[in-house]
PDB file of N, CA and C in Angstrom:
ATOM      1  N   LEU A   1      -7.001  19.894  12.596  1.00  0.00           N
ATOM      2  CA  LEU A   1      -7.985  19.458  10.941  1.00  0.00           C
ATOM      3  C   LEU A   1      -8.251  21.502  10.561  1.00  0.00           C
ATOM      4  N   GLN A   2      -8.424  22.156  11.631  1.00  0.00           N
ATOM      5  CA  GLN A   2      -8.321  24.091  11.991  1.00  0.00           C
ATOM      6  C   GLN A   2      -7.501  24.302  10.462  1.00  0.00           C
ATOM      7  N   ILE A   3      -6.345  24.029  11.106  1.00  0.00           N
ATOM      8  CA  ILE A   3      -5.390  23.965  10.242  1.00  0.00           C
ATOM      9  C   ILE A   3      -5.450  24.027   8.767  1.00  0.00           C
ATOM     10  N   VAL A   4      -5.721  22.718   8.656  1.00  0.00           N
ATOM     11  CA  VAL A   4      -5.522  21.371   7.253  1.00  0.00           C
ATOM     12  C   VAL A   4      -6.558  22.408   6.723  1.00  0.00           C
ATOM     13  N   ARG A   5      -7.776  22.150   6.905  1.00  0.00           N
ATOM     14  CA  ARG A   5      -9.311  22.981   6.355  1.00  0.00           C
ATOM     15  C   ARG A   5      -8.400  24.503   5.726  1.00  0.00           C
ATOM     16  N   GLN A   6      -7.868  24.799   5.982  1.00  0.00           N
ATOM     17  CA  GLN A   6      -7.440  26.479   5.845  1.00  0.00           C
ATOM     18  C   GLN A   6      -6.033  26.014   4.798  1.00  0.00           C
ATOM     19  N   GLU A   7      -4.699  25.700   4.614  1.00  0.00           N
ATOM     20  CA  GLU A   7      -3.987  24.960   4.274  1.00  0.00           C
ATOM     21  C   GLU A   7      -4.750  24.485   2.781  1.00  0.00           C
ATOM     22  N   LYS A   8      -4.898  23.065   3.815  1.00  0.00           N
ATOM     23  CA  LYS A   8      -4.351  22.068   2.499  1.00  0.00           C
ATOM     24  C   LYS A   8      -5.804  21.627   2.781  1.00  0.00           C
ATOM     25  N   PRO A   9      -7.126  22.399   2.228  1.00  0.00           N
ATOM     26  CA  PRO A   9      -8.394  21.773   2.345  1.00  0.00           C
ATOM     27  C   PRO A   9      -8.939  20.114   1.538  1.00  0.00           C
ATOM     28  N   GLU A  10      -7.888  20.463   0.391  1.00  0.00           N
ATOM     29  CA  GLU A  10      -8.221  18.933  -0.375  1.00  0.00           C
ATOM     30  C   GLU A  10      -7.500  17.877   0.485  1.00  0.00           C
ATOM     31  N   LEU A  11      -6.975  17.793   1.736  1.00  0.00           N
ATOM     32  CA  LEU A  11      -6.655  17.269   2.251  1.00  0.00           C
ATOM     33  C   LEU A  11      -7.598  16.110   3.567  1.00  0.00           C
ATOM     34  N   LEU A  12      -8.297  17.530   4.183  1.00  0.00           N
ATOM     35  CA  LEU A  12      -9.417  17.237   4.765  1.00  0.00           C
ATOM     36  C   LEU A  12     -10.386  15.987   4.830  1.00  0.00           C
ATOM     37  N   ALA A  13     -11.194  15.571   4.282  1.00  0.00           N
ATOM     38  CA  ALA A  13     -11.522  13.852   3.470  1.00  0.00           C
ATOM     39  C   ALA A  13     -10.605  13.744   4.669  1.00  0.00           C
ATOM     40  N   ALA A  14      -9.673  12.798   3.778  1.00  0.00           N
ATOM     41  CA  ALA A  14      -8.761  11.799   4.032  1.00  0.00           C
ATOM     42  C   ALA A  14      -8.256  11.428   5.460  1.00  0.00           C
ATOM     43  N   LEU A  15      -7.631  13.500   5.621  1.00  0.00           N
ATOM     44  CA  LEU A  15      -7.195  13.117   6.798  1.00  0.00           C
ATOM     45  C   LEU A  15      -8.276  12.378   8.655  1.00  0.00           C
ATOM     46  N   THR A  16      -9.723  12.749   8.018  1.00  0.00           N
ATOM     47  CA  THR A  16     -10.815  12.862   9.010  1.00  0.00           C
ATOM     48  C   THR A  16     -11.393  11.328   8.431  1.00  0.00           C
ATOM     49  N   LEU A  17     -11.326  10.017   7.752  1.00  0.00           N
ATOM     50  CA  LEU A  17     -11.442   8.868   7.902  1.00  0.00           C
ATOM     51  C   LEU A  17     -10.104   8.811   8.437  1.00  0.00           C
ATOM     52  N   ALA A  18      -9.501   9.168   8.248  1.00  0.00           N
ATOM     53  CA  ALA A  18      -8.309   8.355   9.497  1.00  0.00           C
ATOM     54  C   ALA A  18      -8.365   8.241  10.320  1.00  0.00           C
ATOM     55  N   GLY A  19      -8.548   9.184  11.134  1.00  0.00           N
ATOM     56  CA  GLY A  19      -8.017   9.851  12.368  1.00  0.00           C
ATOM     57  C   GLY A  19      -9.510   9.183  13.083  1.00  0.00           C
ATOM     58  N   PHE A  20     -10.675   9.712  12.503  1.00  0.00           N
ATOM     59  CA  PHE A  20     -11.984   9.246  12.925  1.00  0.00           C
ATOM     60  C   PHE A  20     -12.606   7.874  12.482  1.00  0.00           C
ATOM     61  N   CYS A  21     -11.941   7.197  11.601  1.00  0.00           N
ATOM     62  CA  CYS A  21     -13.096   6.035  11.161  1.00  0.00           C
ATOM     63  C   CYS A  21     -11.589   5.213  11.253  1.00  0.00           C
ATOM     64  N   GLY A  22     -10.513   5.559  11.914  1.00  0.00           N
ATOM     65  CA  GLY A  22      -9.299   4.267  11.546  1.00  0.00           C
ATOM     66  C   GLY A  22      -8.903   3.550   9.836  1.00  0.00           C
ATOM     67  N   LEU A  23      -9.192   3.842   9.207  1.00  0.00           N
ATOM     68  CA  LEU A  23      -9.076   3.536   7.756  1.00  0.00           C
ATOM     69  C   LEU A  23      -7.599   3.665   7.198  1.00  0.00           C
ATOM     70  N   ARG A  24      -7.405   2.696   7.162  1.00  0.00           N
ATOM     71  CA  ARG A  24      -5.962   2.600   6.257  1.00  0.00           C
ATOM     72  C   ARG A  24      -5.925   3.169   5.059  1.00  0.00           C
ATOM     73  N   ARG A  25      -4.327   3.388   4.553  1.00  0.00           N
ATOM     74  CA  ARG A  25      -4.345   4.597   3.593  1.00  0.00           C
ATOM     75  C   ARG A  25      -4.700   4.306   2.244  1.00  0.00           C
ATOM     76  N   CYS A  26      -4.929   2.483   1.602  1.00  0.00           N
ATOM     77  CA  CYS A  26      -4.436   2.542   0.874  1.00  0.00           C
ATOM     78  C   CYS A  26      -6.158   2.724   0.825  1.00  0.00           C
ATOM     79  N   GLU A  27      -7.306   2.221   1.605  1.00  0.00           N
ATOM     80  CA  GLU A  27      -8.702   2.097   1.927  1.00  0.00           C
ATOM     81  C   GLU A  27      -8.865   3.557   1.926  1.00  0.00           C
ATOM     82  N   ILE A  28      -8.420   4.458   2.335  1.00  0.00           N
ATOM     83  CA  ILE A  28      -8.659   5.889   2.057  1.00  0.00           C
ATOM     84  C   ILE A  28      -8.922   6.121   0.768  1.00  0.00           C
ATOM     85  N   HIS A  29      -7.611   5.552  -0.120  1.00  0.00           N
ATOM     86  CA  HIS A  29      -7.319   5.643  -1.337  1.00  0.00           C
ATOM     87  C   HIS A  29      -8.429   6.163  -2.393  1.00  0.00           C
ATOM     88  N   ALA A  30      -8.874   4.208  -2.184  1.00  0.00           N
ATOM     89  CA  ALA A  30      -9.853   3.781  -3.126  1.00  0.00           C
ATOM     90  C   ALA A  30     -10.895   4.199  -2.680  1.00  0.00           C
ATOM     91  N   GLN A  31     -11.509   4.978  -1.440  1.00  0.00           N
ATOM     92  CA  GLN A  31     -13.044   5.478  -1.216  1.00  0.00           C
ATOM     93  C   GLN A  31     -13.496   6.607  -2.411  1.00  0.00           C
ATOM     94  N   LYS A  32     -14.538   6.620  -2.268  1.00  0.00           N
ATOM     95  CA  LYS A  32     -15.286   7.596  -3.553  1.00  0.00           C
ATOM     96  C   LYS A  32     -16.375   8.120  -2.574  1.00  0.00           C
ATOM     97  N   TRP A  33     -17.604   8.835  -2.982  1.00  0.00           N
ATOM     98  CA  TRP A  33     -17.657   9.923  -2.094  1.00  0.00           C
ATOM     99  C   TRP A  33     -19.315   9.448  -1.755  1.00  0.00           C
ATOM    100  N   GLU A  34     -19.281   8.756  -3.196  1.00  0.00           N
ATOM    101  CA  GLU A  34     -20.272   7.528  -3.235  1.00  0.00           C
ATOM    102  C   GLU A  34     -20.448   6.247  -1.812  1.00  0.00           C
ATOM    103  N   ASP A  35     -19.144   6.146  -0.956  1.00  0.00           N
ATOM    104  CA  ASP A  35     -19.469   5.223  -0.240  1.00  0.00           C
ATOM    105  C   ASP A  35     -19.583   5.522   1.331  1.00  0.00           C
ATOM    106  N   ILE A  36     -19.453   7.124   1.066  1.00  0.00           N
ATOM    107  CA  ILE A  36     -20.403   8.172   1.915  1.00  0.00           C
ATOM    108  C   ILE A  36     -21.372   8.475   2.790  1.00  0.00           C
ATOM    109  N   ASP A  37     -21.904   7.753   3.852  1.00  0.00           N
ATOM    110  CA  ASP A  37     -23.262   8.105   3.831  1.00  0.00           C
ATOM    111  C   ASP A  37     -23.709   8.688   5.127  1.00  0.00           C
ATOM    112  N   LEU A  38     -23.688  10.073   4.706  1.00  0.00           N
ATOM    113  CA  LEU A  38     -23.381  11.167   6.534  1.00  0.00           C
ATOM    114  C   LEU A  38     -24.980  10.690   7.042  1.00  0.00           C
ATOM    115  N   THR A  39     -25.796  10.428   6.233  1.00  0.00           N
ATOM    116  CA  THR A  39     -27.243  10.589   6.842  1.00  0.00           C
ATOM    117  C   THR A  39     -26.923   9.363   7.286  1.00  0.00           C
ATOM    118  N   ARG A  40     -26.335   8.048   7.509  1.00  0.00           N
ATOM    119  CA  ARG A  40     -26.497   6.710   8.064  1.00  0.00           C
ATOM    120  C   ARG A  40     -24.964   6.576   9.258  1.00  0.00           C
ATOM    121  N   GLY A  41     -24.466   7.795   8.456  1.00  0.00           N
ATOM    122  CA  GLY A  41     -23.156   8.042   9.311  1.00  0.00           C
ATOM    123  C   GLY A  41     -22.239   6.647   8.851  1.00  0.00           C
ATOM    124  N   GLN A  42     -21.894   6.243   7.973  1.00  0.00           N
ATOM    125  CA  GLN A  42     -21.297   5.211   8.083  1.00  0.00           C
ATOM    126  C   GLN A  42     -20.321   5.437   6.796  1.00  0.00           C
ATOM    127  N   VAL A  43     -19.244   5.197   6.595  1.00  0.00           N
ATOM    128  CA  VAL A  43     -18.599   4.536   5.489  1.00  0.00           C
ATOM    129  C   VAL A  43     -18.521   3.002   4.206  1.00  0.00           C
ATOM    130  N   ARG A  44     -18.571   3.116   3.286  1.00  0.00           N
ATOM    131  CA  ARG A  44     -18.580   1.941   2.607  1.00  0.00           C
ATOM    132  C   ARG A  44     -17.280   0.975   2.101  1.00  0.00           C
ATOM    133  N   VAL A  45     -16.468   0.565   3.234  1.00  0.00           N
ATOM    134  CA  VAL A  45     -15.073  -0.110   2.452  1.00  0.00           C
ATOM    135  C   VAL A  45     -15.481  -0.685   1.268  1.00  0.00           C
ATOM    136  N   THR A  46     -15.007  -0.087   0.121  1.00  0.00           N
ATOM    137  CA  THR A  46     -15.069  -1.198  -0.974  1.00  0.00           C
ATOM    138  C   THR A  46     -13.572  -1.936  -1.667  1.00  0.00           C
ATOM    139  N   ARG A  47     -12.291  -1.558  -0.761  1.00  0.00           N
ATOM    140  CA  ARG A  47     -11.276  -2.322  -1.012  1.00  0.00           C
ATOM    141  C   ARG A  47     -10.321  -2.114   0.136  1.00  0.00           C
ATOM    142  N   ALA A  48      -9.883  -3.369   0.424  1.00  0.00           N
ATOM    143  CA  ALA A  48      -9.533  -2.904   2.120  1.00  0.00           C
ATOM    144  C   ALA A  48      -8.093  -4.031   2.182  1.00  0.00           C
ATOM    145  N   LYS A  49      -7.049  -3.960   2.656  1.00  0.00           N
ATOM    146  CA  LYS A  49      -5.737  -4.868   3.043  1.00  0.00           C
ATOM    147  C   LYS A  49      -6.444  -5.894   3.022  1.00  0.00           C
ATOM    148  N   ARG A  50      -5.200  -6.756   2.271  1.00  0.00           N
ATOM    149  CA  ARG A  50      -5.126  -8.309   2.470  1.00  0.00           C
ATOM    150  C   ARG A  50      -5.617  -9.103   3.975  1.00  0.00           C
ATOM    151  N   GLY A  51      -6.661  -9.667   3.807  1.00  0.00           N
ATOM    152  CA  GLY A  51      -6.616 -10.348   5.267  1.00  0.00           C
ATOM    153  C   GLY A  51      -8.036  -9.584   6.207  1.00  0.00           C
ATOM    154  N   THR A  52      -8.381  -8.781   5.497  1.00  0.00           N
ATOM    155  CA  THR A  52      -9.376  -7.564   6.438  1.00  0.00           C
ATOM    156  C   THR A  52     -10.500  -7.988   5.344  1.00  0.00           C
ATOM    157  N   ALA A  53     -11.782  -7.730   6.273  1.00  0.00           N
ATOM    158  CA  ALA A  53     -13.213  -7.858   5.216  1.00  0.00           C
ATOM    159  C   ALA A  53     -13.015  -7.040   3.737  1.00  0.00           C
ATOM    160  N   ALA A  54     -13.231  -6.811   2.728  1.00  0.00           N
ATOM    161  CA  ALA A  54     -13.116  -6.391   1.808  1.00  0.00           C
ATOM    162  C   ALA A  54     -14.174  -4.721   1.588  1.00  0.00           C
ATOM    163  N   TYR A  55     -15.351  -5.702   1.545  1.00  0.00           N
ATOM    164  CA  TYR A  55     -16.322  -4.902   1.977  1.00  0.00           C
ATOM    165  C   TYR A  55     -17.139  -4.739   3.037  1.00  0.00           C
ATOM    166  N   ARG A  56     -17.456  -3.624   3.866  1.00  0.00           N
ATOM    167  CA  ARG A  56     -17.474  -3.934   5.370  1.00  0.00           C
ATOM    168  C   ARG A  56     -18.104  -2.358   5.234  1.00  0.00           C
ATOM    169  N   PRO A  57     -18.982  -2.208   6.045  1.00  0.00           N
ATOM    170  CA  PRO A  57     -19.453  -0.604   6.518  1.00  0.00           C
ATOM    171  C   PRO A  57     -18.338  -0.088   8.080  1.00  0.00           C
ATOM    172  N   VAL A  58     -18.024   0.513   8.011  1.00  0.00           N
ATOM    173  CA  VAL A  58     -17.665   1.245   9.126  1.00  0.00           C
ATOM    174  C   VAL A  58     -18.401   2.857   9.805  1.00  0.00           C
ATOM    175  N   LYS A  59     -17.820   2.493  10.522  1.00  0.00           N
ATOM    176  CA  LYS A  59     -19.173   3.684  11.671  1.00  0.00           C
ATOM    177  C   LYS A  59     -18.597   4.994  11.709  1.00  0.00           C
ATOM    178  N   LEU A  60     -19.170   5.813  11.543  1.00  0.00           N
ATOM    179  CA  LEU A  60     -18.552   7.255  11.009  1.00  0.00           C
ATOM    180  C   LEU A  60     -19.104   7.862  13.271  1.00  0.00           C
ATOM    181  N   CYS A  61     -18.315   8.583  13.772  1.00  0.00           N
ATOM    182  CA  CYS A  61     -18.914   9.050  15.043  1.00  0.00           C
ATOM    183  C   CYS A  61     -18.748  10.261  14.372  1.00  0.00           C
ATOM    184  N   SER A  62     -19.720  11.474  15.895  1.00  0.00           N
ATOM    185  CA  SER A  62     -20.375  12.386  15.484  1.00  0.00           C
ATOM    186  C   SER A  62     -19.211  13.308  15.322  1.00  0.00           C
ATOM    187  N   ALA A  63     -17.976  13.476  15.561  1.00  0.00           N
ATOM    188  CA  ALA A  63     -16.959  14.509  15.028  1.00  0.00           C
ATOM    189  C   ALA A  63     -16.399  14.698  13.523  1.00  0.00           C
ATOM    190  N   GLY A  64     -16.636  12.917  13.422  1.00  0.00           N
ATOM    191  CA  GLY A  64     -16.148  12.675  12.281  1.00  0.00           C
ATOM    192  C   GLY A  64     -17.108  13.259  11.393  1.00  0.00           C
ATOM    193  N   LEU A  65     -18.377  12.771  11.248  1.00  0.00           N
ATOM    194  CA  LEU A  65     -19.256  13.219  10.022  1.00  0.00           C
ATOM    195  C   LEU A  65     -19.416  14.945   9.961  1.00  0.00           C
ATOM    196  N   GLU A  66     -19.083  15.657  11.054  1.00  0.00           N
ATOM    197  CA  GLU A  66     -19.166  17.156  11.320  1.00  0.00           C
ATOM    198  C   GLU A  66     -18.196  17.586  10.453  1.00  0.00           C
ATOM    199  N   TRP A  67     -16.937  16.607  10.909  1.00  0.00           N
ATOM    200  CA  TRP A  67     -15.683  17.373   9.418  1.00  0.00           C
ATOM    201  C   TRP A  67     -15.687  17.155   7.891  1.00  0.00           C
ATOM    202  N   LEU A  68     -16.390  15.690   7.770  1.00  0.00           N
ATOM    203  CA  LEU A  68     -17.018  15.915   6.781  1.00  0.00           C
ATOM    204  C   LEU A  68     -17.794  16.378   5.961  1.00  0.00           C
ATOM    205  N   LYS A  69     -19.124  16.463   6.573  1.00  0.00           N
ATOM    206  CA  LYS A  69     -19.386  18.001   6.008  1.00  0.00           C
ATOM    207  C   LYS A  69     -18.935  19.221   5.908  1.00  0.00           C
ATOM    208  N   VAL A  70     -17.958  19.427   6.194  1.00  0.00           N
ATOM    209  CA  VAL A  70     -17.776  20.803   5.577  1.00  0.00           C
ATOM    210  C   VAL A  70     -16.326  20.387   4.968  1.00  0.00           C
ATOM    211  N   ALA A  71     -15.720  19.225   4.613  1.00  0.00           N
ATOM    212  CA  ALA A  71     -14.938  19.392   3.518  1.00  0.00           C
ATOM    213  C   ALA A  71     -14.791  18.804   2.568  1.00  0.00           C
TER     214      ALA A  71
END
């Protein structure tokens, strides 16, 4: 992630959500910063893959929180 932050910082938030939260590509592309609550440590998934709850909170681990703060 250090390399991504230096070389392609615009990808850092997406990679953090994929790696630390397990969000799928379609879920990541549908997220907005308003869906990410750093204070509560969660992401509100607003669009999901068929067969998955469309609206659900996803817990952010402490490492994911730290990376999103620098994104």
